[in-house]
Amino acid sequence: MRSRIVLACAEGLPNARVADDLGVSRETVRKWRARFAANRLESLADRPRSGPP
């Protein structure tokens, strides 16, 4: 889903359209667009989490 969001944004679609097309919230699109802009491909990987897997 993360990569789909980023690819749709790269096509120039607005956040609202990407959210509607992919069935996610606008906040989710904003979050992943911002993370990708800041850290490029590294941002698409899972972050370490606390606790057991």
PDB file of N, CA and C in Angstrom:
ATOM      1  N   MET A   1       0.821  -1.180   0.000  1.00  0.00           N
ATOM      2  CA  MET A   1       0.000   0.000   0.000  1.00  0.00           C
ATOM      3  C   MET A   1       0.867   1.245   0.000  1.00  0.00           C
ATOM      4  N   ARG A   2       1.955   1.210   0.767  1.00  0.00           N
ATOM      5  CA  ARG A   2       2.844   2.375   0.836  1.00  0.00           C
ATOM      6  C   ARG A   2       3.371   2.743  -0.543  1.00  0.00           C
ATOM      7  N   SER A   3       3.830   1.759  -1.265  1.00  0.00           N
ATOM      8  CA  SER A   3       4.378   2.048  -2.595  1.00  0.00           C
ATOM      9  C   SER A   3       3.286   2.488  -3.561  1.00  0.00           C
ATOM     10  N   ARG A   4       2.088   1.954  -3.429  1.00  0.00           N
ATOM     11  CA  ARG A   4       0.985   2.400  -4.288  1.00  0.00           C
ATOM     12  C   ARG A   4       0.671   3.871  -4.041  1.00  0.00           C
ATOM     13  N   ILE A   5       0.684   4.257  -2.783  1.00  0.00           N
ATOM     14  CA  ILE A   5       0.435   5.654  -2.434  1.00  0.00           C
ATOM     15  C   ILE A   5       1.505   6.544  -3.066  1.00  0.00           C
ATOM     16  N   VAL A   6       2.760   6.172  -2.870  1.00  0.00           N
ATOM     17  CA  VAL A   6       3.865   6.980  -3.393  1.00  0.00           C
ATOM     18  C   VAL A   6       3.816   7.053  -4.919  1.00  0.00           C
ATOM     19  N   LEU A   7       3.535   5.956  -5.581  1.00  0.00           N
ATOM     20  CA  LEU A   7       3.461   5.959  -7.049  1.00  0.00           C
ATOM     21  C   LEU A   7       2.304   6.817  -7.559  1.00  0.00           C
ATOM     22  N   ALA A   8       1.173   6.752  -6.889  1.00  0.00           N
ATOM     23  CA  ALA A   8       0.037   7.569  -7.302  1.00  0.00           C
ATOM     24  C   ALA A   8       0.353   9.052  -7.111  1.00  0.00           C
ATOM     25  N   CYS A   9       1.025   9.380  -6.022  1.00  0.00           N
ATOM     26  CA  CYS A   9       1.411  10.771  -5.795  1.00  0.00           C
ATOM     27  C   CYS A   9       2.424  11.234  -6.839  1.00  0.00           C
ATOM     28  N   ALA A  10       3.308  10.334  -7.252  1.00  0.00           N
ATOM     29  CA  ALA A  10       4.304  10.686  -8.270  1.00  0.00           C
ATOM     30  C   ALA A  10       3.650  10.992  -9.611  1.00  0.00           C
ATOM     31  N   GLU A  11       2.456  10.463  -9.837  1.00  0.00           N
ATOM     32  CA  GLU A  11       1.727  10.755 -11.069  1.00  0.00           C
ATOM     33  C   GLU A  11       1.069  12.131 -11.016  1.00  0.00           C
ATOM     34  N   GLY A  12       1.180  12.800  -9.866  1.00  0.00           N
ATOM     35  CA  GLY A  12       0.637  14.141  -9.736  1.00  0.00           C
ATOM     36  C   GLY A  12      -0.783  14.215  -9.210  1.00  0.00           C
ATOM     37  N   LEU A  13      -1.301  13.088  -8.746  1.00  0.00           N
ATOM     38  CA  LEU A  13      -2.664  13.083  -8.212  1.00  0.00           C
ATOM     39  C   LEU A  13      -2.695  13.758  -6.840  1.00  0.00           C
ATOM     40  N   PRO A  14      -3.761  14.482  -6.541  1.00  0.00           N
ATOM     41  CA  PRO A  14      -3.878  15.097  -5.212  1.00  0.00           C
ATOM     42  C   PRO A  14      -4.129  14.040  -4.135  1.00  0.00           C
ATOM     43  N   ASN A  15      -3.794  14.393  -2.906  1.00  0.00           N
ATOM     44  CA  ASN A  15      -3.945  13.457  -1.785  1.00  0.00           C
ATOM     45  C   ASN A  15      -5.360  12.900  -1.677  1.00  0.00           C
ATOM     46  N   ALA A  16      -6.363  13.747  -1.846  1.00  0.00           N
ATOM     47  CA  ALA A  16      -7.750  13.305  -1.712  1.00  0.00           C
ATOM     48  C   ALA A  16      -8.088  12.244  -2.757  1.00  0.00           C
ATOM     49  N   ARG A  17      -7.630  12.431  -3.957  1.00  0.00           N
ATOM     50  CA  ARG A  17      -7.905  11.452  -5.028  1.00  0.00           C
ATOM     51  C   ARG A  17      -7.198  10.132  -4.757  1.00  0.00           C
ATOM     52  N   VAL A  18      -5.936  10.211  -4.331  1.00  0.00           N
ATOM     53  CA  VAL A  18      -5.179   8.994  -4.011  1.00  0.00           C
ATOM     54  C   VAL A  18      -5.882   8.240  -2.884  1.00  0.00           C
ATOM     55  N   ALA A  19      -6.303   8.953  -1.858  1.00  0.00           N
ATOM     56  CA  ALA A  19      -6.990   8.321  -0.726  1.00  0.00           C
ATOM     57  C   ALA A  19      -8.270   7.630  -1.179  1.00  0.00           C
ATOM     58  N   ASP A  20      -9.057   8.318  -1.982  1.00  0.00           N
ATOM     59  CA  ASP A  20     -10.310   7.730  -2.469  1.00  0.00           C
ATOM     60  C   ASP A  20     -10.055   6.517  -3.361  1.00  0.00           C
ATOM     61  N   ASP A  21      -9.092   6.634  -4.260  1.00  0.00           N
ATOM     62  CA  ASP A  21      -8.790   5.544  -5.191  1.00  0.00           C
ATOM     63  C   ASP A  21      -8.297   4.288  -4.474  1.00  0.00           C
ATOM     64  N   LEU A  22      -7.509   4.483  -3.424  1.00  0.00           N
ATOM     65  CA  LEU A  22      -6.895   3.348  -2.739  1.00  0.00           C
ATOM     66  C   LEU A  22      -7.649   2.905  -1.491  1.00  0.00           C
ATOM     67  N   GLY A  23      -8.674   3.649  -1.114  1.00  0.00           N
ATOM     68  CA  GLY A  23      -9.468   3.269   0.045  1.00  0.00           C
ATOM     69  C   GLY A  23      -8.773   3.467   1.376  1.00  0.00           C
ATOM     70  N   VAL A  24      -7.962   4.511   1.459  1.00  0.00           N
ATOM     71  CA  VAL A  24      -7.288   4.841   2.713  1.00  0.00           C
ATOM     72  C   VAL A  24      -7.663   6.275   3.085  1.00  0.00           C
ATOM     73  N   SER A  25      -7.268   6.692   4.276  1.00  0.00           N
ATOM     74  CA  SER A  25      -7.583   8.050   4.707  1.00  0.00           C
ATOM     75  C   SER A  25      -6.615   9.048   4.072  1.00  0.00           C
ATOM     76  N   ARG A  26      -7.045  10.288   4.029  1.00  0.00           N
ATOM     77  CA  ARG A  26      -6.178  11.353   3.508  1.00  0.00           C
ATOM     78  C   ARG A  26      -4.955  11.520   4.397  1.00  0.00           C
ATOM     79  N   GLU A  27      -5.139  11.322   5.702  1.00  0.00           N
ATOM     80  CA  GLU A  27      -4.013  11.414   6.632  1.00  0.00           C
ATOM     81  C   GLU A  27      -2.959  10.359   6.315  1.00  0.00           C
ATOM     82  N   THR A  28      -3.372   9.165   5.950  1.00  0.00           N
ATOM     83  CA  THR A  28      -2.422   8.105   5.572  1.00  0.00           C
ATOM     84  C   THR A  28      -1.626   8.525   4.350  1.00  0.00           C
ATOM     85  N   VAL A  29      -2.287   9.102   3.372  1.00  0.00           N
ATOM     86  CA  VAL A  29      -1.591   9.566   2.168  1.00  0.00           C
ATOM     87  C   VAL A  29      -0.610  10.672   2.526  1.00  0.00           C
ATOM     88  N   ARG A  30      -1.038  11.628   3.342  1.00  0.00           N
ATOM     89  CA  ARG A  30      -0.139  12.718   3.754  1.00  0.00           C
ATOM     90  C   ARG A  30       1.085  12.171   4.482  1.00  0.00           C
ATOM     91  N   LYS A  31       0.861  11.190   5.361  1.00  0.00           N
ATOM     92  CA  LYS A  31       1.961  10.624   6.140  1.00  0.00           C
ATOM     93  C   LYS A  31       2.994   9.965   5.230  1.00  0.00           C
ATOM     94  N   TRP A  32       2.542   9.120   4.317  1.00  0.00           N
ATOM     95  CA  TRP A  32       3.498   8.396   3.479  1.00  0.00           C
ATOM     96  C   TRP A  32       4.139   9.283   2.424  1.00  0.00           C
ATOM     97  N   ARG A  33       3.417  10.277   1.961  1.00  0.00           N
ATOM     98  CA  ARG A  33       4.017  11.232   1.020  1.00  0.00           C
ATOM     99  C   ARG A  33       5.147  11.993   1.712  1.00  0.00           C
ATOM    100  N   ALA A  34       4.901  12.443   2.922  1.00  0.00           N
ATOM    101  CA  ALA A  34       5.912  13.193   3.680  1.00  0.00           C
ATOM    102  C   ALA A  34       7.106  12.314   4.032  1.00  0.00           C
ATOM    103  N   ARG A  35       6.838  11.088   4.475  1.00  0.00           N
ATOM    104  CA  ARG A  35       7.947  10.186   4.815  1.00  0.00           C
ATOM    105  C   ARG A  35       8.804   9.880   3.597  1.00  0.00           C
ATOM    106  N   PHE A  36       8.164   9.658   2.459  1.00  0.00           N
ATOM    107  CA  PHE A  36       8.923   9.356   1.254  1.00  0.00           C
ATOM    108  C   PHE A  36       9.740  10.572   0.824  1.00  0.00           C
ATOM    109  N   ALA A  37       9.178  11.755   0.917  1.00  0.00           N
ATOM    110  CA  ALA A  37       9.904  12.972   0.543  1.00  0.00           C
ATOM    111  C   ALA A  37      11.134  13.165   1.438  1.00  0.00           C
ATOM    112  N   ALA A  38      11.020  12.791   2.700  1.00  0.00           N
ATOM    113  CA  ALA A  38      12.121  12.984   3.641  1.00  0.00           C
ATOM    114  C   ALA A  38      13.202  11.912   3.524  1.00  0.00           C
ATOM    115  N   ASN A  39      12.796  10.656   3.321  1.00  0.00           N
ATOM    116  CA  ASN A  39      13.764   9.547   3.393  1.00  0.00           C
ATOM    117  C   ASN A  39      13.809   8.652   2.174  1.00  0.00           C
ATOM    118  N   ARG A  40      13.103   9.004   1.134  1.00  0.00           N
ATOM    119  CA  ARG A  40      13.065   8.237  -0.110  1.00  0.00           C
ATOM    120  C   ARG A  40      12.722   6.770   0.146  1.00  0.00           C
ATOM    121  N   LEU A  41      13.376   5.837  -0.514  1.00  0.00           N
ATOM    122  CA  LEU A  41      12.989   4.420  -0.439  1.00  0.00           C
ATOM    123  C   LEU A  41      13.103   3.819   0.954  1.00  0.00           C
ATOM    124  N   GLU A  42      14.042   4.309   1.751  1.00  0.00           N
ATOM    125  CA  GLU A  42      14.197   3.777   3.107  1.00  0.00           C
ATOM    126  C   GLU A  42      12.927   3.949   3.931  1.00  0.00           C
ATOM    127  N   SER A  43      12.138   4.966   3.611  1.00  0.00           N
ATOM    128  CA  SER A  43      10.936   5.235   4.395  1.00  0.00           C
ATOM    129  C   SER A  43       9.840   4.203   4.173  1.00  0.00           C
ATOM    130  N   LEU A  44       9.920   3.436   3.103  1.00  0.00           N
ATOM    131  CA  LEU A  44       8.875   2.456   2.806  1.00  0.00           C
ATOM    132  C   LEU A  44       9.025   1.160   3.596  1.00  0.00           C
ATOM    133  N   ALA A  45      10.205   0.948   4.178  1.00  0.00           N
ATOM    134  CA  ALA A  45      10.442  -0.265   4.961  1.00  0.00           C
ATOM    135  C   ALA A  45       9.773  -0.146   6.330  1.00  0.00           C
ATOM    136  N   ASP A  46       9.485  -1.295   6.945  1.00  0.00           N
ATOM    137  CA  ASP A  46       8.913  -1.304   8.284  1.00  0.00           C
ATOM    138  C   ASP A  46       9.923  -0.766   9.279  1.00  0.00           C
ATOM    139  N   ARG A  47       9.435   0.005  10.230  1.00  0.00           N
ATOM    140  CA  ARG A  47      10.302   0.503  11.302  1.00  0.00           C
ATOM    141  C   ARG A  47      10.347  -0.534  12.405  1.00  0.00           C
ATOM    142  N   PRO A  48      11.453  -0.585  13.145  1.00  0.00           N
ATOM    143  CA  PRO A  48      11.510  -1.518  14.279  1.00  0.00           C
ATOM    144  C   PRO A  48      10.433  -1.182  15.302  1.00  0.00           C
ATOM    145  N   ARG A  49       9.860  -2.216  15.888  1.00  0.00           N
ATOM    146  CA  ARG A  49       8.810  -2.033  16.896  1.00  0.00           C
ATOM    147  C   ARG A  49       9.286  -2.618  18.214  1.00  0.00           C
ATOM    148  N   SER A  50       8.771  -2.079  19.285  1.00  0.00           N
ATOM    149  CA  SER A  50       9.107  -2.636  20.593  1.00  0.00           C
ATOM    150  C   SER A  50       8.246  -3.874  20.848  1.00  0.00           C
ATOM    151  N   GLY A  51       8.716  -4.708  21.734  1.00  0.00           N
ATOM    152  CA  GLY A  51       7.959  -5.896  22.104  1.00  0.00           C
ATOM    153  C   GLY A  51       8.226  -7.066  21.180  1.00  0.00           C
ATOM    154  N   PRO A  52       7.604  -8.198  21.482  1.00  0.00           N
ATOM    155  CA  PRO A  52       7.818  -9.403  20.674  1.00  0.00           C
ATOM    156  C   PRO A  52       7.162  -9.274  19.302  1.00  0.00           C
ATOM    157  N   PRO A  53       7.686  -9.997  18.323  1.00  0.00           N
ATOM    158  CA  PRO A  53       7.096  -9.932  16.965  1.00  0.00           C
ATOM    159  C   PRO A  53       5.705 -10.528  16.900  1.00  0.00           C
TER     160      PRO A  53
END
